[in-house]
């Protein structure tokens, strides 16, 4: 377990974390913009779903190309794309669950409450999502990662 945790503390992974964070920040803006526009016409479930699907598609392209530097000219294979969307489907389920629980606890959610519940969900899924992106979806990034000989991070 400790050798796995150490894989998060090297130059390559820290660069990936920064890039995923920047893309995540941008996608969060996109997500909330779409969410709030959709809330004008639709309920919370459909608004969250539409915003999530569109932001996830953008996230896949940006993370593949920039965060994990897979620039082989392809958009990605079906297996990789499926894994990415499954990871994000789990994050979507957490988001919808949190919205549902908030709605049960505090009654129909206002626009502000829907946004706050989405922020809570984002905070809960951010670290597991990064680990899944790196270790499952874009595994080639992890496979090529080796600590420098003699570094404190060597196994």
N, C-alpha and C. Protein backbone atom coordinates (compact mmCIF):
# COMPACT_ATOMS: atom_id res chain seq x y z
N UNK A 1 0.83 -1.20 0.00
CA UNK A 1 0.00 0.00 0.00
C UNK A 1 0.87 1.26 0.00
N UNK A 2 1.90 1.27 0.82
CA UNK A 2 2.73 2.47 0.88
C UNK A 2 3.48 2.71 -0.42
N UNK A 3 3.85 1.63 -1.13
CA UNK A 3 4.51 1.83 -2.42
C UNK A 3 3.53 2.42 -3.42
N UNK A 4 2.25 2.05 -3.33
CA UNK A 4 1.25 2.65 -4.20
C UNK A 4 1.08 4.13 -3.89
N UNK A 5 0.98 4.48 -2.63
CA UNK A 5 0.82 5.88 -2.23
C UNK A 5 2.01 6.69 -2.71
N UNK A 6 3.21 6.10 -2.66
CA UNK A 6 4.40 6.82 -3.11
C UNK A 6 4.36 7.15 -4.59
N UNK A 7 3.59 6.39 -5.38
CA UNK A 7 3.53 6.70 -6.81
C UNK A 7 2.85 8.04 -7.08
N UNK A 8 2.19 8.59 -6.07
CA UNK A 8 1.56 9.90 -6.23
C UNK A 8 2.54 11.05 -5.97
N UNK A 9 3.73 10.73 -5.48
CA UNK A 9 4.68 11.76 -5.09
C UNK A 9 5.93 11.72 -5.95
N UNK A 10 5.75 12.05 -7.21
CA UNK A 10 6.87 12.21 -8.12
C UNK A 10 6.52 13.32 -9.10
N UNK A 11 7.49 13.78 -9.82
CA UNK A 11 7.31 14.93 -10.71
C UNK A 11 6.21 14.69 -11.75
N UNK A 12 6.20 13.50 -12.35
CA UNK A 12 5.21 13.22 -13.40
C UNK A 12 3.78 13.25 -12.84
N UNK A 13 3.56 12.57 -11.72
CA UNK A 13 2.21 12.55 -11.15
C UNK A 13 1.80 13.92 -10.65
N UNK A 14 2.70 14.65 -10.05
CA UNK A 14 2.35 15.99 -9.59
C UNK A 14 1.96 16.88 -10.77
N UNK A 15 2.65 16.72 -11.89
CA UNK A 15 2.27 17.46 -13.10
C UNK A 15 0.88 17.05 -13.58
N UNK A 16 0.61 15.75 -13.52
CA UNK A 16 -0.72 15.26 -13.91
C UNK A 16 -1.80 15.81 -12.99
N UNK A 17 -1.51 15.83 -11.69
CA UNK A 17 -2.47 16.36 -10.72
C UNK A 17 -2.79 17.82 -11.04
N UNK A 18 -1.76 18.59 -11.32
CA UNK A 18 -1.97 20.01 -11.64
C UNK A 18 -2.81 20.15 -12.91
N UNK A 19 -2.46 19.39 -13.95
CA UNK A 19 -3.21 19.48 -15.21
C UNK A 19 -4.64 18.99 -15.04
N UNK A 20 -4.85 17.87 -14.33
CA UNK A 20 -6.21 17.38 -14.08
C UNK A 20 -6.98 18.42 -13.27
N UNK A 21 -6.31 19.07 -12.32
CA UNK A 21 -6.96 20.11 -11.52
C UNK A 21 -7.39 21.30 -12.36
N UNK A 22 -6.52 21.74 -13.27
CA UNK A 22 -6.87 22.86 -14.15
C UNK A 22 -8.03 22.50 -15.07
N UNK A 23 -7.96 21.30 -15.64
CA UNK A 23 -9.06 20.84 -16.49
C UNK A 23 -10.32 20.67 -15.66
N UNK A 24 -10.18 20.15 -14.46
CA UNK A 24 -11.33 20.00 -13.57
C UNK A 24 -11.96 21.33 -13.23
N UNK A 25 -11.14 22.35 -13.00
CA UNK A 25 -11.67 23.68 -12.73
C UNK A 25 -12.44 24.23 -13.92
N UNK A 26 -11.84 24.08 -15.10
CA UNK A 26 -12.51 24.53 -16.32
C UNK A 26 -13.80 23.76 -16.54
N UNK A 27 -13.74 22.44 -16.40
CA UNK A 27 -14.93 21.61 -16.60
C UNK A 27 -16.00 21.90 -15.54
N UNK A 28 -15.58 22.29 -14.36
CA UNK A 28 -16.55 22.65 -13.33
C UNK A 28 -17.32 23.90 -13.76
N UNK A 29 -16.62 24.86 -14.33
CA UNK A 29 -17.29 26.06 -14.85
C UNK A 29 -18.27 25.67 -15.96
N UNK A 30 -17.81 24.81 -16.87
CA UNK A 30 -18.68 24.34 -17.96
C UNK A 30 -19.88 23.60 -17.38
N UNK A 31 -19.62 22.70 -16.43
CA UNK A 31 -20.69 21.92 -15.80
C UNK A 31 -21.74 22.83 -15.17
N UNK A 32 -21.28 23.77 -14.35
CA UNK A 32 -22.23 24.64 -13.65
C UNK A 32 -22.97 25.58 -14.61
N UNK A 33 -22.30 26.01 -15.67
CA UNK A 33 -22.99 26.84 -16.67
C UNK A 33 -24.11 26.05 -17.33
N UNK A 34 -23.80 24.83 -17.75
CA UNK A 34 -24.82 23.99 -18.38
C UNK A 34 -25.91 23.64 -17.36
N UNK A 35 -25.51 23.29 -16.15
CA UNK A 35 -26.47 22.95 -15.10
C UNK A 35 -27.47 24.07 -14.88
N UNK A 36 -26.97 25.28 -14.74
CA UNK A 36 -27.86 26.40 -14.43
C UNK A 36 -28.74 26.80 -15.61
N UNK A 37 -28.23 26.67 -16.82
CA UNK A 37 -29.08 26.90 -17.99
C UNK A 37 -30.16 25.82 -18.04
N UNK A 38 -29.78 24.57 -17.85
CA UNK A 38 -30.74 23.46 -17.90
C UNK A 38 -31.78 23.56 -16.78
N UNK A 39 -31.38 24.08 -15.61
CA UNK A 39 -32.33 24.22 -14.50
C UNK A 39 -33.46 25.18 -14.84
N UNK A 40 -33.25 26.03 -15.82
CA UNK A 40 -34.30 26.96 -16.26
C UNK A 40 -35.49 26.19 -16.85
N UNK A 41 -35.20 25.07 -17.52
CA UNK A 41 -36.25 24.32 -18.21
C UNK A 41 -36.53 22.94 -17.61
N UNK A 42 -35.54 22.36 -16.93
CA UNK A 42 -35.65 20.97 -16.47
C UNK A 42 -35.49 20.87 -14.97
N UNK A 43 -35.81 19.70 -14.43
CA UNK A 43 -35.59 19.45 -13.01
C UNK A 43 -34.14 19.12 -12.72
N UNK A 44 -33.84 18.92 -11.44
CA UNK A 44 -32.47 18.67 -11.00
C UNK A 44 -31.83 17.45 -11.62
N UNK A 45 -32.56 16.32 -11.67
CA UNK A 45 -31.99 15.08 -12.21
C UNK A 45 -31.54 15.26 -13.65
N UNK A 46 -32.41 15.76 -14.52
CA UNK A 46 -32.06 15.90 -15.94
C UNK A 46 -31.02 16.99 -16.15
N UNK A 47 -31.09 18.04 -15.37
CA UNK A 47 -30.09 19.12 -15.49
C UNK A 47 -28.71 18.60 -15.13
N UNK A 48 -28.62 17.87 -14.02
CA UNK A 48 -27.34 17.30 -13.59
C UNK A 48 -26.84 16.31 -14.64
N UNK A 49 -27.73 15.49 -15.16
CA UNK A 49 -27.35 14.47 -16.12
C UNK A 49 -26.81 15.08 -17.41
N UNK A 50 -27.52 16.03 -17.96
CA UNK A 50 -27.08 16.68 -19.20
C UNK A 50 -25.75 17.40 -19.00
N UNK A 51 -25.64 18.16 -17.92
CA UNK A 51 -24.40 18.88 -17.63
C UNK A 51 -23.25 17.91 -17.44
N UNK A 52 -23.52 16.81 -16.76
CA UNK A 52 -22.48 15.83 -16.46
C UNK A 52 -21.97 15.16 -17.74
N UNK A 53 -22.88 14.76 -18.62
CA UNK A 53 -22.48 14.08 -19.86
C UNK A 53 -21.64 15.02 -20.74
N UNK A 54 -22.08 16.25 -20.91
CA UNK A 54 -21.34 17.18 -21.77
C UNK A 54 -19.98 17.53 -21.17
N UNK A 55 -19.94 17.80 -19.88
CA UNK A 55 -18.66 18.13 -19.24
C UNK A 55 -17.72 16.92 -19.22
N UNK A 56 -18.27 15.72 -19.10
CA UNK A 56 -17.45 14.51 -19.10
C UNK A 56 -16.81 14.27 -20.46
N UNK A 57 -17.55 14.49 -21.52
CA UNK A 57 -16.97 14.35 -22.86
C UNK A 57 -15.81 15.31 -23.07
N UNK A 58 -15.99 16.55 -22.66
CA UNK A 58 -14.92 17.53 -22.76
C UNK A 58 -13.73 17.12 -21.88
N UNK A 59 -14.02 16.65 -20.68
CA UNK A 59 -12.98 16.22 -19.76
C UNK A 59 -12.14 15.08 -20.33
N UNK A 60 -12.80 14.13 -20.97
CA UNK A 60 -12.09 12.99 -21.56
C UNK A 60 -11.06 13.47 -22.59
N UNK A 61 -11.50 14.30 -23.51
CA UNK A 61 -10.61 14.77 -24.57
C UNK A 61 -9.44 15.55 -23.97
N UNK A 62 -9.73 16.47 -23.07
CA UNK A 62 -8.66 17.31 -22.50
C UNK A 62 -7.71 16.50 -21.62
N UNK A 63 -8.24 15.60 -20.79
CA UNK A 63 -7.36 14.81 -19.93
C UNK A 63 -6.50 13.84 -20.73
N UNK A 64 -7.07 13.24 -21.74
CA UNK A 64 -6.31 12.29 -22.56
C UNK A 64 -5.14 12.99 -23.24
N UNK A 65 -5.43 14.15 -23.82
CA UNK A 65 -4.41 14.85 -24.60
C UNK A 65 -3.40 15.61 -23.75
N UNK A 66 -3.88 16.27 -22.70
CA UNK A 66 -3.00 17.17 -21.96
C UNK A 66 -2.53 16.57 -20.63
N UNK A 67 -3.44 16.12 -19.79
CA UNK A 67 -3.05 15.61 -18.46
C UNK A 67 -2.17 14.38 -18.55
N UNK A 68 -2.61 13.43 -19.39
CA UNK A 68 -1.89 12.17 -19.47
C UNK A 68 -1.09 12.05 -20.76
N UNK A 69 -1.06 13.12 -21.53
CA UNK A 69 -0.20 13.30 -22.70
C UNK A 69 -0.24 12.13 -23.66
N UNK A 70 -1.45 11.68 -23.97
CA UNK A 70 -1.64 10.65 -24.97
C UNK A 70 -2.07 11.38 -26.24
N UNK A 71 -1.12 11.64 -27.08
CA UNK A 71 -1.37 12.44 -28.29
C UNK A 71 -1.00 11.64 -29.52
N UNK A 72 -1.54 10.43 -29.60
CA UNK A 72 -1.21 9.57 -30.73
C UNK A 72 -2.06 9.85 -31.97
N UNK A 73 -2.83 10.93 -31.91
CA UNK A 73 -3.66 11.30 -33.05
C UNK A 73 -5.04 10.67 -33.02
N UNK A 74 -5.22 9.67 -32.16
CA UNK A 74 -6.54 9.04 -32.07
C UNK A 74 -7.35 9.72 -30.97
N UNK A 75 -8.64 9.48 -31.01
CA UNK A 75 -9.52 10.02 -29.98
C UNK A 75 -9.50 9.09 -28.77
N UNK A 76 -9.07 7.88 -28.94
CA UNK A 76 -9.05 6.89 -27.87
C UNK A 76 -9.79 5.66 -28.33
N UNK A 77 -9.48 4.54 -27.73
CA UNK A 77 -10.17 3.33 -28.13
C UNK A 77 -11.43 3.14 -27.29
N UNK A 78 -12.26 2.22 -27.70
CA UNK A 78 -13.55 2.02 -27.04
C UNK A 78 -13.37 1.59 -25.58
N UNK A 79 -12.38 0.77 -25.31
CA UNK A 79 -12.14 0.29 -23.94
C UNK A 79 -11.76 1.45 -23.02
N UNK A 80 -10.84 2.28 -23.47
CA UNK A 80 -10.41 3.43 -22.69
C UNK A 80 -11.56 4.42 -22.47
N UNK A 81 -12.28 4.71 -23.54
CA UNK A 81 -13.40 5.64 -23.44
C UNK A 81 -14.47 5.09 -22.50
N UNK A 82 -14.75 3.81 -22.61
CA UNK A 82 -15.74 3.18 -21.73
C UNK A 82 -15.33 3.26 -20.28
N UNK A 83 -14.06 3.00 -20.00
CA UNK A 83 -13.57 3.09 -18.62
C UNK A 83 -13.72 4.51 -18.09
N UNK A 84 -13.38 5.49 -18.93
CA UNK A 84 -13.48 6.89 -18.50
C UNK A 84 -14.93 7.22 -18.15
N UNK A 85 -15.85 6.82 -19.03
CA UNK A 85 -17.25 7.12 -18.77
C UNK A 85 -17.80 6.32 -17.60
N UNK A 86 -17.30 5.11 -17.35
CA UNK A 86 -17.74 4.34 -16.17
C UNK A 86 -17.27 5.00 -14.88
N UNK A 87 -16.03 5.48 -14.86
CA UNK A 87 -15.53 6.20 -13.68
C UNK A 87 -16.42 7.42 -13.43
N UNK A 88 -16.73 8.13 -14.49
CA UNK A 88 -17.55 9.32 -14.35
C UNK A 88 -19.01 9.00 -14.09
N UNK A 89 -19.47 7.84 -14.53
CA UNK A 89 -20.82 7.39 -14.20
C UNK A 89 -20.94 7.17 -12.70
N UNK A 90 -19.91 6.60 -12.11
CA UNK A 90 -19.90 6.42 -10.65
C UNK A 90 -19.94 7.78 -9.95
N UNK A 91 -19.17 8.74 -10.47
CA UNK A 91 -19.18 10.09 -9.89
C UNK A 91 -20.54 10.75 -10.08
N UNK A 92 -21.16 10.53 -11.24
CA UNK A 92 -22.52 11.04 -11.48
C UNK A 92 -23.50 10.45 -10.48
N UNK A 93 -23.38 9.14 -10.23
CA UNK A 93 -24.28 8.47 -9.27
C UNK A 93 -24.12 9.06 -7.88
N UNK A 94 -22.89 9.35 -7.47
CA UNK A 94 -22.67 10.00 -6.17
C UNK A 94 -23.32 11.37 -6.15
N UNK A 95 -23.18 12.11 -7.24
CA UNK A 95 -23.78 13.44 -7.33
C UNK A 95 -25.30 13.37 -7.21
N UNK A 96 -25.91 12.47 -7.96
CA UNK A 96 -27.36 12.33 -7.92
C UNK A 96 -27.81 11.84 -6.54
N UNK A 97 -27.05 10.93 -5.94
CA UNK A 97 -27.37 10.44 -4.59
C UNK A 97 -27.34 11.58 -3.58
N UNK A 98 -26.31 12.40 -3.65
CA UNK A 98 -26.21 13.53 -2.72
C UNK A 98 -27.36 14.51 -2.95
N UNK A 99 -27.68 14.79 -4.21
CA UNK A 99 -28.83 15.66 -4.50
C UNK A 99 -30.12 15.05 -3.96
N UNK A 100 -30.29 13.75 -4.14
CA UNK A 100 -31.50 13.08 -3.65
C UNK A 100 -31.59 13.11 -2.14
N UNK A 101 -30.47 12.86 -1.47
CA UNK A 101 -30.46 12.90 0.00
C UNK A 101 -30.72 14.31 0.52
N UNK A 102 -30.13 15.29 -0.14
CA UNK A 102 -30.37 16.68 0.26
C UNK A 102 -31.84 17.05 0.06
N UNK A 103 -32.41 16.59 -1.03
CA UNK A 103 -33.81 16.86 -1.32
C UNK A 103 -34.72 16.19 -0.28
N UNK A 104 -34.39 14.97 0.11
CA UNK A 104 -35.17 14.29 1.15
C UNK A 104 -35.06 15.00 2.49
N UNK A 105 -33.86 15.44 2.80
CA UNK A 105 -33.62 16.07 4.12
C UNK A 105 -34.19 17.48 4.20
N UNK A 106 -34.01 18.29 3.16
CA UNK A 106 -34.37 19.70 3.23
C UNK A 106 -35.51 20.10 2.29
N UNK A 107 -36.14 19.14 1.66
CA UNK A 107 -37.25 19.47 0.78
C UNK A 107 -36.77 19.86 -0.60
N UNK A 108 -37.67 20.33 -1.45
CA UNK A 108 -37.26 20.70 -2.81
C UNK A 108 -36.08 21.68 -2.77
N UNK A 109 -35.06 21.36 -3.57
CA UNK A 109 -33.84 22.16 -3.55
C UNK A 109 -33.97 23.39 -4.45
N UNK A 110 -33.52 24.50 -3.94
CA UNK A 110 -33.44 25.72 -4.74
C UNK A 110 -32.26 25.59 -5.69
N UNK A 111 -32.11 26.54 -6.57
CA UNK A 111 -30.96 26.57 -7.48
C UNK A 111 -29.66 26.62 -6.67
N UNK A 112 -29.61 27.44 -5.64
CA UNK A 112 -28.41 27.54 -4.81
C UNK A 112 -28.12 26.22 -4.11
N UNK A 113 -29.15 25.59 -3.55
CA UNK A 113 -28.96 24.32 -2.85
C UNK A 113 -28.50 23.22 -3.82
N UNK A 114 -29.01 23.21 -5.04
CA UNK A 114 -28.57 22.24 -6.04
C UNK A 114 -27.11 22.45 -6.37
N UNK A 115 -26.69 23.69 -6.49
CA UNK A 115 -25.29 24.00 -6.74
C UNK A 115 -24.41 23.59 -5.56
N UNK A 116 -24.84 23.86 -4.34
CA UNK A 116 -24.06 23.49 -3.16
C UNK A 116 -23.93 21.97 -3.03
N UNK A 117 -25.01 21.25 -3.29
CA UNK A 117 -24.95 19.79 -3.25
C UNK A 117 -23.99 19.26 -4.30
N UNK A 118 -23.95 19.89 -5.45
CA UNK A 118 -23.01 19.48 -6.50
C UNK A 118 -21.57 19.75 -6.09
N UNK A 119 -21.33 20.84 -5.38
CA UNK A 119 -19.98 21.14 -4.89
C UNK A 119 -19.54 20.08 -3.88
N UNK A 120 -20.44 19.70 -2.98
CA UNK A 120 -20.13 18.65 -2.00
C UNK A 120 -19.77 17.35 -2.73
N UNK A 121 -20.57 16.98 -3.71
CA UNK A 121 -20.31 15.75 -4.47
C UNK A 121 -18.96 15.82 -5.17
N UNK A 122 -18.65 16.95 -5.76
CA UNK A 122 -17.36 17.12 -6.45
C UNK A 122 -16.21 16.90 -5.47
N UNK A 123 -16.33 17.47 -4.29
CA UNK A 123 -15.29 17.29 -3.28
C UNK A 123 -15.10 15.85 -2.85
N UNK A 124 -16.18 15.10 -2.82
CA UNK A 124 -16.10 13.69 -2.40
C UNK A 124 -15.48 12.78 -3.46
N UNK A 125 -15.63 13.12 -4.72
CA UNK A 125 -15.17 12.21 -5.77
C UNK A 125 -13.85 12.60 -6.43
N UNK A 126 -13.29 13.73 -6.08
CA UNK A 126 -12.14 14.24 -6.84
C UNK A 126 -10.89 13.35 -6.73
N UNK A 127 -10.52 12.91 -5.55
CA UNK A 127 -9.31 12.09 -5.41
C UNK A 127 -9.52 10.70 -6.00
N UNK A 128 -10.64 10.02 -5.69
CA UNK A 128 -10.84 8.72 -6.33
C UNK A 128 -10.90 8.80 -7.86
N UNK A 129 -11.45 9.89 -8.41
CA UNK A 129 -11.49 10.03 -9.85
C UNK A 129 -10.10 10.16 -10.43
N UNK A 130 -9.24 10.97 -9.82
CA UNK A 130 -7.88 11.10 -10.33
C UNK A 130 -7.17 9.76 -10.32
N UNK A 131 -7.27 9.04 -9.21
CA UNK A 131 -6.61 7.73 -9.10
C UNK A 131 -7.13 6.77 -10.18
N UNK A 132 -8.43 6.78 -10.42
CA UNK A 132 -9.00 5.91 -11.45
C UNK A 132 -8.56 6.34 -12.85
N UNK A 133 -8.50 7.63 -13.10
CA UNK A 133 -8.02 8.10 -14.40
C UNK A 133 -6.60 7.59 -14.63
N UNK A 134 -5.76 7.80 -13.65
CA UNK A 134 -4.34 7.46 -13.80
C UNK A 134 -4.12 5.96 -13.84
N UNK A 135 -4.77 5.22 -12.95
CA UNK A 135 -4.45 3.81 -12.76
C UNK A 135 -5.29 2.86 -13.60
N UNK A 136 -6.46 3.29 -14.02
CA UNK A 136 -7.35 2.40 -14.75
C UNK A 136 -7.56 2.87 -16.19
N UNK A 137 -7.95 4.12 -16.36
CA UNK A 137 -8.31 4.61 -17.69
C UNK A 137 -7.07 4.85 -18.54
N UNK A 138 -6.16 5.66 -18.06
CA UNK A 138 -4.96 6.02 -18.81
C UNK A 138 -3.76 5.29 -18.21
N UNK A 139 -3.88 3.99 -18.03
CA UNK A 139 -2.90 3.17 -17.33
C UNK A 139 -1.50 3.28 -17.91
N UNK A 140 -1.39 3.56 -19.19
CA UNK A 140 -0.06 3.68 -19.80
C UNK A 140 0.76 4.77 -19.13
N UNK A 141 0.09 5.77 -18.56
CA UNK A 141 0.82 6.82 -17.85
C UNK A 141 1.47 6.27 -16.59
N UNK A 142 0.78 5.36 -15.90
CA UNK A 142 1.33 4.76 -14.68
C UNK A 142 2.41 3.75 -15.03
N UNK A 143 2.21 2.99 -16.09
CA UNK A 143 3.18 1.97 -16.48
C UNK A 143 4.54 2.57 -16.79
N UNK A 144 4.56 3.78 -17.34
CA UNK A 144 5.83 4.40 -17.73
C UNK A 144 6.47 5.18 -16.59
N UNK A 145 5.84 5.17 -15.42
CA UNK A 145 6.32 5.96 -14.30
C UNK A 145 7.28 5.14 -13.44
N UNK A 146 8.51 5.56 -13.35
CA UNK A 146 9.47 4.89 -12.49
C UNK A 146 10.27 5.97 -11.77
N UNK A 147 10.44 5.82 -10.42
CA UNK A 147 11.22 6.80 -9.71
C UNK A 147 12.69 6.75 -10.16
N UNK A 148 13.33 7.89 -10.08
CA UNK A 148 14.75 7.96 -10.43
C UNK A 148 15.55 7.11 -9.46
N UNK A 149 16.58 6.41 -9.97
CA UNK A 149 17.39 5.58 -9.08
C UNK A 149 17.98 6.43 -7.95
N UNK A 150 17.90 5.90 -6.74
CA UNK A 150 18.46 6.60 -5.59
C UNK A 150 17.57 7.69 -5.04
N UNK A 151 16.42 7.94 -5.65
CA UNK A 151 15.55 9.00 -5.12
C UNK A 151 14.83 8.49 -3.88
N UNK A 152 14.29 9.40 -3.12
CA UNK A 152 13.57 9.03 -1.89
C UNK A 152 12.32 8.25 -2.24
N UNK A 153 11.86 8.33 -3.48
CA UNK A 153 10.62 7.67 -3.87
C UNK A 153 10.86 6.27 -4.45
N UNK A 154 12.12 5.85 -4.53
CA UNK A 154 12.39 4.51 -5.04
C UNK A 154 11.80 3.48 -4.10
N UNK A 155 11.33 2.39 -4.66
CA UNK A 155 10.71 1.33 -3.85
C UNK A 155 11.74 0.55 -3.09
